[in-house]
Amino acid sequence: MIPRIMGILNVTPDSFSDGGRHGTADGAIAAGLRMFEAGAAIVDVGGESTRPGAPEVSLEEELQRTIPVVEGLARAGVPVSIDTMKAGVMRAALAAGAGMLNDVSALQAEAESLAVAAGSKAQVVLMHMPGNPRTMQGLAAYDDVVGEVRAALAARIAVCEAAGLARGRLIADPGIGFGKGVGHNLALLRGLEAFHALGVPLLLGASRKSVIPAVAGAAPVTDRLPGSLAIALRGAEAGVAWLRVHDVAETLQALKLWEAMRG
């Protein structure tokens, strides 16, 4: 079976790829609907950029950016994930209809986040990131990046289970580009199969990321579809359950051909 697609819907002015593209809630809702119609299994709404060095956004601002979009998409029958590190945004998004929490800090950025997740019925994506988006690239030091990232995720899964989050609700993301250099990212992509030992579904999010021009030559973010598809196919080969992508229709087309050729 091919991975399910999580469509990326950033409602931010400064995200690395599509910042400022969706300036109104109505525009963002329309974009999310297009992703769903193109085959996305869920639309991931984010109101705070997590690119390296990104400034922090206030709770009030993030709520204003995301909740109307979550409400609009949920009302239209679109499954919604909320991409946030803030417990207050998680709580409001769940009330607005979100069914998945996607936290790049693996529920560590705020003390209350773990309790909010445990008290819900949502699926929860735990991503590996050392530090925070402002400090992570200075912490990109590993002796064995695959083993160390896997161990860190295993520790977070254990904490979540102890807090009452059933393992069946958890998804693990190795965090491509988050506190990793090019060599680390490539090692993680080569070693994706090792993460199945965690015993939870895997999510891979590397769409349009800087590892692509670092390997294949300079390209603006909007010209990184070929590299993004190559990474998506590597994820499918490795058995990941979810792919987090900007280009939903193109990724699904590639995956369907890949599956058909495998027979």
Protein backbone atom coordinates (compact mmCIF):
# COMPACT_ATOMS: atom_id res chain seq x y z
CA MET A 1 0.00 0.00 0.00
CA ILE A 2 1.29 3.47 -0.85
CA PRO A 3 1.76 6.00 1.97
CA ARG A 4 -1.05 8.35 2.87
CA ILE A 5 -0.54 11.99 1.99
CA MET A 6 -0.53 14.84 4.47
CA GLY A 7 -0.94 18.10 2.56
CA ILE A 8 1.03 21.08 3.92
CA LEU A 9 -1.06 24.21 4.43
CA ASN A 10 0.96 27.01 6.02
CA VAL A 11 -0.97 30.12 7.04
CA THR A 12 2.17 32.07 7.84
CA PRO A 13 3.93 35.05 6.24
CA ASP A 14 7.41 33.53 6.61
CA SER A 15 7.44 29.75 6.05
CA PHE A 16 10.40 28.72 3.91
CA SER A 17 8.36 27.45 0.97
CA ASP A 18 4.90 28.99 0.88
CA GLY A 19 4.96 31.80 3.42
CA GLY A 20 2.43 34.51 2.62
CA ARG A 21 0.76 32.45 -0.08
CA HIS A 22 -2.53 32.09 1.82
CA GLY A 23 -3.25 35.59 3.07
CA THR A 24 -6.86 35.04 4.15
CA ALA A 25 -8.73 32.27 5.90
CA ASP A 26 -10.99 31.80 2.87
CA GLY A 27 -7.97 31.48 0.59
CA ALA A 28 -6.34 28.95 2.89
CA ILE A 29 -9.56 26.93 3.17
CA ALA A 30 -9.89 26.85 -0.61
CA ALA A 31 -6.28 25.65 -0.91
CA GLY A 32 -6.91 22.93 1.67
CA LEU A 33 -10.01 21.80 -0.18
CA ARG A 34 -7.97 21.52 -3.39
CA MET A 35 -5.43 19.34 -1.58
CA PHE A 36 -8.18 17.09 -0.26
CA GLU A 37 -9.80 16.82 -3.69
CA ALA A 38 -6.37 15.97 -5.15
CA GLY A 39 -6.09 13.01 -2.78
CA ALA A 40 -4.63 14.23 0.51
CA ALA A 41 -5.76 12.01 3.39
CA ILE A 42 -5.34 14.93 5.80
CA VAL A 43 -4.46 18.63 5.59
CA ASP A 44 -1.84 19.91 8.05
CA VAL A 45 -2.54 23.52 9.08
CA GLY A 46 0.37 25.47 10.52
CA GLY A 47 0.45 29.03 11.85
CA GLU A 48 4.06 29.36 12.99
CA SER A 49 7.11 28.85 10.79
CA THR A 50 9.59 26.27 12.04
CA ARG A 51 12.31 27.07 9.51
CA PRO A 52 15.77 27.48 11.07
CA GLY A 53 15.95 30.70 13.07
CA ALA A 54 12.24 31.48 12.72
CA PRO A 55 10.90 33.96 15.31
CA GLU A 56 8.33 32.81 17.83
CA VAL A 57 4.67 33.69 17.21
CA SER A 58 2.35 34.64 20.07
CA LEU A 59 -0.47 32.34 21.09
CA GLU A 60 -3.06 34.91 20.06
CA GLU A 61 -1.55 35.38 16.60
CA GLU A 62 -1.26 31.66 15.97
CA LEU A 63 -4.87 31.11 17.03
CA GLN A 64 -6.06 33.89 14.70
CA ARG A 65 -4.15 32.37 11.80
CA THR A 66 -5.13 28.74 12.24
CA ILE A 67 -8.47 28.21 13.96
CA PRO A 68 -10.74 29.75 11.28
CA VAL A 69 -8.99 27.55 8.71
CA VAL A 70 -9.31 24.41 10.83
CA GLU A 71 -13.00 25.17 11.40
CA GLY A 72 -13.67 25.82 7.73
CA LEU A 73 -11.95 22.67 6.53
CA ALA A 74 -13.50 20.46 9.21
CA ARG A 75 -16.93 21.86 8.40
CA ALA A 76 -16.36 20.87 4.77
CA GLY A 77 -15.52 17.31 5.79
CA VAL A 78 -11.75 17.55 5.35
CA PRO A 79 -9.64 15.66 7.91
CA VAL A 80 -7.38 18.22 9.59
CA SER A 81 -4.08 18.10 11.46
CA ILE A 82 -2.77 21.06 13.45
CA ASP A 83 0.96 21.75 13.19
CA THR A 84 1.82 23.51 16.46
CA MET A 85 4.03 23.44 19.54
CA LYS A 86 1.50 25.32 21.69
CA ALA A 87 -0.92 23.55 24.02
CA GLY A 88 -3.46 26.37 23.67
CA VAL A 89 -3.50 26.01 19.88
CA MET A 90 -3.82 22.24 20.19
CA ARG A 91 -6.80 22.58 22.49
CA ALA A 92 -8.57 25.12 20.28
CA ALA A 93 -7.86 23.16 17.09
CA LEU A 94 -9.22 19.95 18.60
CA ALA A 95 -12.39 21.82 19.58
CA ALA A 96 -12.58 23.19 16.02
CA GLY A 97 -12.46 19.70 14.49
CA ALA A 98 -8.80 18.71 14.12
CA GLY A 99 -8.15 14.99 14.44
CA MET A 100 -4.37 14.96 14.55
CA LEU A 101 -1.70 16.88 16.47
CA ASN A 102 1.63 17.39 14.68
CA ASP A 103 4.21 18.75 17.11
CA VAL A 104 7.80 19.25 15.93
CA SER A 105 8.89 19.30 19.57
CA ALA A 106 7.32 15.89 20.30
CA LEU A 107 5.10 17.47 22.99
CA GLN A 108 8.07 18.99 24.82
CA ALA A 109 7.82 22.71 24.01
CA GLU A 110 5.09 23.33 26.59
CA ALA A 111 4.48 21.35 29.76
CA GLU A 112 0.72 21.23 29.16
CA SER A 113 0.93 19.75 25.67
CA LEU A 114 1.29 16.15 26.81
CA ALA A 115 -1.85 16.37 28.96
CA VAL A 116 -3.83 18.00 26.14
CA ALA A 117 -2.82 15.21 23.75
CA ALA A 118 -3.47 12.47 26.29
CA GLY A 119 -6.91 13.87 27.08
CA SER A 120 -7.94 13.84 23.42
CA LYS A 121 -8.70 11.10 20.93
CA ALA A 122 -6.39 12.56 18.28
CA GLN A 123 -3.50 10.89 16.56
CA VAL A 124 -0.20 12.49 17.54
CA VAL A 125 2.92 12.98 15.41
CA LEU A 126 6.11 13.03 17.48
CA MET A 127 9.00 14.59 15.57
CA HIS A 128 12.68 14.63 16.49
CA MET A 129 14.25 18.05 16.88
CA PRO A 130 17.11 19.04 19.18
CA GLY A 131 16.41 22.34 20.92
CA ASN A 132 13.93 24.58 19.10
CA PRO A 133 13.73 26.16 15.63
CA ARG A 134 15.96 29.04 16.76
CA THR A 135 18.71 26.81 18.18
CA MET A 136 18.40 23.46 16.40
CA GLN A 137 21.02 23.89 13.69
CA GLY A 138 23.66 24.66 16.28
CA LEU A 139 22.87 21.31 17.90
CA ALA A 140 23.38 19.18 14.77
CA ALA A 141 26.06 16.88 16.23
CA TYR A 142 25.70 13.09 16.17
CA ASP A 143 27.98 10.07 16.30
CA ASP A 144 25.24 7.80 14.93
CA VAL A 145 22.36 9.94 13.71
CA VAL A 146 20.01 7.04 12.94
CA GLY A 147 20.58 5.34 16.27
CA GLU A 148 20.43 8.56 18.29
CA VAL A 149 17.28 9.89 16.62
CA ARG A 150 15.60 6.50 16.99
CA ALA A 151 16.53 6.35 20.67
CA ALA A 152 15.21 9.88 21.27
CA LEU A 153 11.91 9.02 19.60
CA ALA A 154 11.65 5.78 21.58
CA ALA A 155 12.10 7.76 24.78
CA ARG A 156 9.33 10.18 23.81
CA ILE A 157 7.00 7.30 22.91
CA ALA A 158 7.62 5.82 26.35
CA VAL A 159 6.83 9.16 28.02
CA CYS A 160 3.63 9.46 26.02
CA GLU A 161 2.51 5.95 26.89
CA ALA A 162 3.19 6.60 30.58
CA ALA A 163 0.98 9.70 30.32
CA GLY A 164 -1.91 7.67 28.91
CA LEU A 165 -1.36 8.07 25.17
CA ALA A 166 -1.92 4.67 23.58
CA ARG A 167 0.86 3.58 21.24
CA GLY A 168 -1.77 3.07 18.55
CA ARG A 169 -2.35 6.84 18.44
CA LEU A 170 1.32 7.73 17.90
CA ILE A 171 3.25 8.42 14.71
CA ALA A 172 7.03 9.01 14.60
CA ASP A 173 8.86 11.50 12.36
CA PRO A 174 12.70 11.52 12.22
CA GLY A 175 12.66 15.25 11.53
CA ILE A 176 14.51 15.70 8.26
CA GLY A 177 16.13 19.15 8.26
CA PHE A 178 15.44 19.85 11.93
CA GLY A 179 18.79 20.09 13.69
CA LYS A 180 20.54 18.00 11.06
CA GLY A 181 23.14 18.72 8.41
CA VAL A 182 23.06 17.38 4.86
CA GLY A 183 24.99 14.24 5.78
CA HIS A 184 22.67 13.57 8.70
CA ASN A 185 19.59 13.97 6.50
CA LEU A 186 20.95 11.59 3.90
CA ALA A 187 21.86 9.03 6.56
CA LEU A 188 18.34 9.20 7.97
CA LEU A 189 16.82 8.74 4.50
CA ARG A 190 19.09 5.76 3.86
CA GLY A 191 18.22 4.30 7.25
CA LEU A 192 14.46 4.82 7.37
CA GLU A 193 13.75 1.12 7.77
CA ALA A 194 15.48 1.17 11.17
CA PHE A 195 12.68 3.33 12.56
CA HIS A 196 10.13 0.52 12.20
CA ALA A 197 11.66 -0.85 15.40
CA LEU A 198 9.78 1.92 17.22
CA GLY A 199 6.57 -0.01 16.68
CA VAL A 200 4.54 2.96 15.44
CA PRO A 201 3.74 4.28 11.93
CA LEU A 202 6.34 6.56 10.38
CA LEU A 203 5.87 9.98 8.80
CA LEU A 204 8.42 11.46 6.42
CA GLY A 205 8.44 15.19 5.79
CA ALA A 206 11.16 16.36 3.41
CA SER A 207 9.18 18.15 0.71
CA ARG A 208 11.18 21.00 -0.88
CA LYS A 209 13.78 20.93 1.90
CA SER A 210 17.34 22.19 1.61
CA VAL A 211 18.82 18.70 1.32
CA ILE A 212 17.56 18.74 -2.28
CA PRO A 213 19.62 21.68 -3.61
CA ALA A 214 22.52 20.63 -1.38
CA VAL A 215 22.72 17.37 -3.31
CA ALA A 216 21.35 18.22 -6.75
CA GLY A 217 22.33 21.86 -7.26
CA ALA A 218 20.85 25.23 -6.38
CA ALA A 219 17.12 25.52 -6.95
CA PRO A 220 14.51 27.86 -5.46
CA VAL A 221 11.97 26.13 -3.24
CA THR A 222 9.30 26.17 -5.93
CA ASP A 223 11.60 24.22 -8.29
CA ARG A 224 12.29 21.28 -5.98
CA LEU A 225 9.47 18.97 -7.05
CA PRO A 226 11.73 16.37 -8.74
CA GLY A 227 13.88 16.03 -5.61
CA SER A 228 10.79 15.95 -3.41
CA LEU A 229 9.37 13.10 -5.49
CA ALA A 230 12.64 11.18 -5.27
CA ILE A 231 12.50 11.42 -1.47
CA ALA A 232 8.81 10.45 -1.45
CA LEU A 233 9.58 7.32 -3.42
CA ARG A 234 12.41 6.47 -1.04
CA GLY A 235 9.92 6.81 1.81
CA ALA A 236 7.45 4.53 0.06
CA GLU A 237 10.20 1.97 -0.54
CA ALA A 238 11.05 2.08 3.17
CA GLY A 239 7.42 1.53 4.19
CA VAL A 240 6.56 4.88 5.74
CA ALA A 241 2.86 5.32 6.47
CA TRP A 242 2.66 9.07 5.81
CA LEU A 243 4.30 11.57 3.49
CA ARG A 244 4.00 15.26 4.37
CA VAL A 245 4.15 17.16 1.07
CA HIS A 246 3.38 20.44 -0.65
CA ASP A 247 2.57 18.87 -4.04
CA VAL A 248 -0.26 16.42 -3.40
CA ALA A 249 -1.39 15.47 -6.91
CA GLU A 250 2.14 15.12 -8.25
CA THR A 251 3.24 12.96 -5.33
CA LEU A 252 0.24 10.67 -5.66
CA GLN A 253 0.83 10.27 -9.38
CA ALA A 254 4.43 9.22 -8.74
CA LEU A 255 3.40 6.83 -5.97
CA LYS A 256 0.73 5.15 -8.08
CA LEU A 257 3.20 4.54 -10.91
CA TRP A 258 5.78 3.27 -8.43
CA GLU A 259 3.22 0.85 -6.96
CA ALA A 260 2.07 -0.37 -10.38
CA MET A 261 5.64 -1.05 -11.51
CA ARG A 262 6.31 -3.10 -8.40
CA GLY A 263 3.44 -5.39 -9.40
